[in-house]
Amino acid sequence: MVYIISYKLQRPGQDYSDLYNAIKNISGTYWHHTTSAWLVETNLSAQQIFETLFPFIVDDNDELIIFRLQGEWWGRLTDQSNLSWLRGRSF
C-alpha cells in the first residue's frame, strides 16, 4: 500500500530531523516529493503510521495527516526517476 504523509510544521527553525528519519524508517521505499509531502510504501495502516510519527511532532499547532492512495494518478514531473518510482507502485 502507498500512503501520502503530509504535514504543516508551524514554527520555523525547529529541528524536525527525527520526524523525517521516522518517515524514512516506516519503509525502505519512500519518495520525498515536496517540502511537506512524502509517499511511502508500507504494510502499516494509516493509523499505525500516524501513531509512529506523532511523537515527533514538535509543536502543539503542527499538523499531520495520512492518506492511503488508491486508483489512478496523473501529473507532470521533470525528474523521470520519480515517474519510475510511481509507475512501480500498486495503487
N, C-alpha and C. Protein backbone atom coordinates (compact mmCIF):
# COMPACT_ATOMS: atom_id res chain seq x y z
N MET A 1 0.84 -1.17 0.00
CA MET A 1 0.00 0.00 0.00
C MET A 1 0.89 1.24 0.00
N VAL A 2 0.41 2.26 -0.68
CA VAL A 2 1.15 3.52 -0.73
C VAL A 2 0.32 4.59 -0.03
N TYR A 3 1.00 5.36 0.80
CA TYR A 3 0.36 6.44 1.55
C TYR A 3 1.07 7.74 1.26
N ILE A 4 0.32 8.82 1.34
CA ILE A 4 0.93 10.14 1.32
C ILE A 4 0.88 10.67 2.74
N ILE A 5 2.01 11.13 3.19
CA ILE A 5 2.14 11.74 4.51
C ILE A 5 2.33 13.23 4.27
N SER A 6 1.46 14.01 4.83
CA SER A 6 1.53 15.46 4.65
C SER A 6 1.51 16.12 6.01
N TYR A 7 2.28 17.18 6.14
CA TYR A 7 2.34 17.88 7.42
C TYR A 7 2.46 19.37 7.20
N LYS A 8 2.09 20.09 8.23
CA LYS A 8 2.23 21.54 8.26
C LYS A 8 2.93 21.85 9.57
N LEU A 9 4.20 22.21 9.46
CA LEU A 9 5.01 22.48 10.65
C LEU A 9 5.03 23.99 10.86
N GLN A 10 4.52 24.40 11.99
CA GLN A 10 4.18 25.81 12.20
C GLN A 10 5.34 26.70 12.63
N ARG A 11 6.34 26.16 13.27
CA ARG A 11 7.38 27.03 13.81
C ARG A 11 8.67 26.90 13.02
N PRO A 12 9.04 27.95 12.30
CA PRO A 12 10.30 27.92 11.55
C PRO A 12 11.49 27.74 12.51
N GLY A 13 12.49 27.05 12.02
CA GLY A 13 13.70 26.90 12.81
C GLY A 13 13.72 25.69 13.73
N GLN A 14 12.59 24.99 13.87
CA GLN A 14 12.55 23.79 14.70
C GLN A 14 13.33 22.68 13.99
N ASP A 15 13.86 21.76 14.78
CA ASP A 15 14.57 20.62 14.23
C ASP A 15 13.60 19.45 14.09
N TYR A 16 13.21 19.15 12.87
CA TYR A 16 12.28 18.06 12.60
C TYR A 16 13.00 16.84 12.02
N SER A 17 14.31 16.74 12.19
CA SER A 17 15.05 15.63 11.59
C SER A 17 14.59 14.28 12.14
N ASP A 18 14.16 14.22 13.41
CA ASP A 18 13.64 12.96 13.95
C ASP A 18 12.37 12.53 13.22
N LEU A 19 11.51 13.49 12.88
CA LEU A 19 10.30 13.19 12.11
C LEU A 19 10.68 12.65 10.74
N TYR A 20 11.58 13.31 10.07
CA TYR A 20 11.99 12.88 8.73
C TYR A 20 12.60 11.48 8.78
N ASN A 21 13.43 11.21 9.77
CA ASN A 21 14.03 9.88 9.91
C ASN A 21 12.97 8.82 10.21
N ALA A 22 11.97 9.17 11.01
CA ALA A 22 10.89 8.22 11.31
C ALA A 22 10.10 7.89 10.05
N ILE A 23 9.86 8.89 9.20
CA ILE A 23 9.17 8.64 7.94
C ILE A 23 9.99 7.69 7.07
N LYS A 24 11.29 7.93 6.96
CA LYS A 24 12.16 7.07 6.17
C LYS A 24 12.16 5.64 6.69
N ASN A 25 12.05 5.48 8.02
CA ASN A 25 12.12 4.15 8.62
C ASN A 25 10.80 3.38 8.57
N ILE A 26 9.71 4.02 8.18
CA ILE A 26 8.43 3.31 8.05
C ILE A 26 8.56 2.20 7.02
N SER A 27 9.33 2.47 6.01
CA SER A 27 9.52 1.51 4.93
C SER A 27 10.83 1.85 4.23
N GLY A 28 11.41 0.90 3.57
CA GLY A 28 12.61 1.19 2.80
C GLY A 28 12.29 1.92 1.51
N THR A 29 11.02 2.00 1.15
CA THR A 29 10.63 2.60 -0.11
C THR A 29 9.82 3.86 0.15
N TYR A 30 10.40 4.99 -0.19
CA TYR A 30 9.71 6.26 0.00
C TYR A 30 10.17 7.24 -1.07
N TRP A 31 9.38 8.29 -1.20
CA TRP A 31 9.71 9.37 -2.13
C TRP A 31 9.31 10.67 -1.45
N HIS A 32 10.28 11.52 -1.21
CA HIS A 32 10.03 12.83 -0.61
C HIS A 32 9.79 13.80 -1.76
N HIS A 33 8.52 13.96 -2.11
CA HIS A 33 8.15 14.68 -3.32
C HIS A 33 8.22 16.19 -3.17
N THR A 34 7.60 16.74 -2.16
CA THR A 34 7.63 18.19 -1.95
C THR A 34 8.07 18.46 -0.53
N THR A 35 8.21 19.72 -0.19
CA THR A 35 8.70 20.09 1.13
C THR A 35 7.92 19.43 2.25
N SER A 36 6.62 19.30 2.11
CA SER A 36 5.80 18.78 3.21
C SER A 36 5.00 17.53 2.83
N ALA A 37 5.46 16.80 1.81
CA ALA A 37 4.73 15.58 1.42
C ALA A 37 5.70 14.47 1.06
N TRP A 38 5.41 13.31 1.60
CA TRP A 38 6.19 12.09 1.33
C TRP A 38 5.22 11.02 0.85
N LEU A 39 5.67 10.17 -0.05
CA LEU A 39 4.93 8.97 -0.39
C LEU A 39 5.74 7.80 0.14
N VAL A 40 5.07 6.89 0.85
CA VAL A 40 5.75 5.72 1.41
C VAL A 40 4.97 4.48 1.03
N GLU A 41 5.70 3.41 0.80
CA GLU A 41 5.08 2.11 0.55
C GLU A 41 5.32 1.26 1.78
N THR A 42 4.24 0.76 2.38
CA THR A 42 4.34 0.02 3.63
C THR A 42 3.11 -0.87 3.81
N ASN A 43 3.23 -1.83 4.69
CA ASN A 43 2.08 -2.67 5.06
C ASN A 43 1.36 -2.12 6.29
N LEU A 44 1.85 -1.04 6.86
CA LEU A 44 1.20 -0.43 8.02
C LEU A 44 -0.11 0.24 7.59
N SER A 45 -1.02 0.41 8.53
CA SER A 45 -2.26 1.17 8.27
C SER A 45 -1.97 2.66 8.45
N ALA A 46 -2.90 3.48 8.00
CA ALA A 46 -2.76 4.93 8.18
C ALA A 46 -2.67 5.26 9.67
N GLN A 47 -3.45 4.59 10.48
CA GLN A 47 -3.41 4.84 11.93
C GLN A 47 -2.05 4.46 12.51
N GLN A 48 -1.50 3.33 12.09
CA GLN A 48 -0.19 2.92 12.59
C GLN A 48 0.90 3.90 12.17
N ILE A 49 0.82 4.40 10.96
CA ILE A 49 1.79 5.41 10.51
C ILE A 49 1.66 6.66 11.37
N PHE A 50 0.43 7.12 11.57
CA PHE A 50 0.20 8.30 12.38
C PHE A 50 0.77 8.12 13.79
N GLU A 51 0.47 6.98 14.40
CA GLU A 51 0.94 6.73 15.76
C GLU A 51 2.46 6.63 15.83
N THR A 52 3.08 6.19 14.76
CA THR A 52 4.55 6.13 14.70
C THR A 52 5.15 7.52 14.61
N LEU A 53 4.52 8.39 13.84
CA LEU A 53 5.09 9.72 13.57
C LEU A 53 4.70 10.78 14.59
N PHE A 54 3.54 10.63 15.19
CA PHE A 54 3.03 11.69 16.08
C PHE A 54 3.99 12.08 17.20
N PRO A 55 4.72 11.16 17.80
CA PRO A 55 5.66 11.58 18.86
C PRO A 55 6.74 12.56 18.38
N PHE A 56 6.94 12.65 17.07
CA PHE A 56 7.97 13.53 16.53
C PHE A 56 7.43 14.89 16.09
N ILE A 57 6.14 15.10 16.31
CA ILE A 57 5.53 16.40 16.03
C ILE A 57 5.90 17.31 17.20
N VAL A 58 6.63 18.38 16.92
CA VAL A 58 7.26 19.17 17.97
C VAL A 58 6.31 20.14 18.66
N ASP A 59 5.52 20.86 17.90
CA ASP A 59 4.66 21.91 18.47
C ASP A 59 3.20 21.50 18.49
N ASP A 60 2.46 22.02 19.45
CA ASP A 60 1.05 21.69 19.58
C ASP A 60 0.22 22.09 18.37
N ASN A 61 0.67 23.09 17.63
CA ASN A 61 -0.11 23.54 16.48
C ASN A 61 0.39 22.96 15.15
N ASP A 62 1.35 22.03 15.19
CA ASP A 62 1.76 21.32 13.98
C ASP A 62 0.63 20.39 13.53
N GLU A 63 0.58 20.11 12.24
CA GLU A 63 -0.48 19.26 11.69
C GLU A 63 0.14 18.09 10.95
N LEU A 64 -0.55 16.94 11.01
CA LEU A 64 -0.09 15.72 10.35
C LEU A 64 -1.31 14.96 9.85
N ILE A 65 -1.28 14.54 8.58
CA ILE A 65 -2.39 13.76 8.03
C ILE A 65 -1.82 12.69 7.10
N ILE A 66 -2.45 11.52 7.11
CA ILE A 66 -2.02 10.39 6.32
C ILE A 66 -3.18 9.95 5.42
N PHE A 67 -2.91 9.77 4.14
CA PHE A 67 -3.91 9.28 3.19
C PHE A 67 -3.38 8.04 2.49
N ARG A 68 -4.23 7.03 2.33
CA ARG A 68 -3.87 5.87 1.50
C ARG A 68 -4.21 6.22 0.07
N LEU A 69 -3.28 5.99 -0.83
CA LEU A 69 -3.50 6.27 -2.24
C LEU A 69 -4.09 5.05 -2.91
N GLN A 70 -5.15 5.26 -3.67
CA GLN A 70 -5.80 4.20 -4.41
C GLN A 70 -6.21 4.72 -5.77
N GLY A 71 -6.18 3.87 -6.75
CA GLY A 71 -6.68 4.27 -8.06
C GLY A 71 -5.65 4.98 -8.89
N GLU A 72 -6.15 5.78 -9.78
CA GLU A 72 -5.27 6.40 -10.75
C GLU A 72 -4.61 7.66 -10.21
N TRP A 73 -3.56 8.04 -10.87
CA TRP A 73 -2.87 9.29 -10.58
C TRP A 73 -2.47 9.92 -11.91
N TRP A 74 -2.23 11.19 -11.87
CA TRP A 74 -1.82 11.89 -13.06
C TRP A 74 -0.99 13.08 -12.65
N GLY A 75 0.03 13.41 -13.41
CA GLY A 75 0.84 14.56 -13.06
C GLY A 75 1.93 14.82 -14.08
N ARG A 76 2.63 15.88 -13.86
CA ARG A 76 3.78 16.25 -14.69
C ARG A 76 4.96 16.42 -13.76
N LEU A 77 6.01 15.66 -14.02
CA LEU A 77 7.22 15.74 -13.22
C LEU A 77 8.41 15.90 -14.14
N THR A 78 9.35 16.72 -13.76
CA THR A 78 10.53 16.93 -14.59
C THR A 78 11.58 15.86 -14.36
N ASP A 79 11.57 15.22 -13.20
CA ASP A 79 12.55 14.17 -12.88
C ASP A 79 11.96 12.82 -13.25
N GLN A 80 12.46 12.22 -14.31
CA GLN A 80 11.92 10.95 -14.80
C GLN A 80 12.08 9.81 -13.81
N SER A 81 13.08 9.88 -12.93
CA SER A 81 13.25 8.82 -11.93
C SER A 81 12.06 8.80 -10.98
N ASN A 82 11.47 9.94 -10.71
CA ASN A 82 10.28 9.98 -9.86
C ASN A 82 9.09 9.32 -10.54
N LEU A 83 8.96 9.50 -11.84
CA LEU A 83 7.90 8.81 -12.57
C LEU A 83 8.10 7.31 -12.51
N SER A 84 9.34 6.87 -12.59
CA SER A 84 9.62 5.44 -12.48
C SER A 84 9.21 4.91 -11.12
N TRP A 85 9.47 5.67 -10.06
CA TRP A 85 9.07 5.25 -8.71
C TRP A 85 7.56 5.08 -8.66
N LEU A 86 6.82 6.04 -9.18
CA LEU A 86 5.36 5.98 -9.16
C LEU A 86 4.83 4.81 -9.98
N ARG A 87 5.40 4.61 -11.16
CA ARG A 87 4.91 3.54 -12.03
C ARG A 87 5.15 2.16 -11.42
N GLY A 88 6.13 2.05 -10.55
CA GLY A 88 6.46 0.78 -9.93
C GLY A 88 5.61 0.43 -8.73
N ARG A 89 4.68 1.29 -8.35
CA ARG A 89 3.84 1.06 -7.16
C ARG A 89 2.47 0.58 -7.59
N SER A 90 1.81 -0.14 -6.71
CA SER A 90 0.43 -0.59 -6.93
C SER A 90 -0.51 0.26 -6.10
N PHE A 91 -1.51 0.82 -6.74
CA PHE A 91 -2.49 1.64 -6.02
C PHE A 91 -3.83 0.96 -6.05
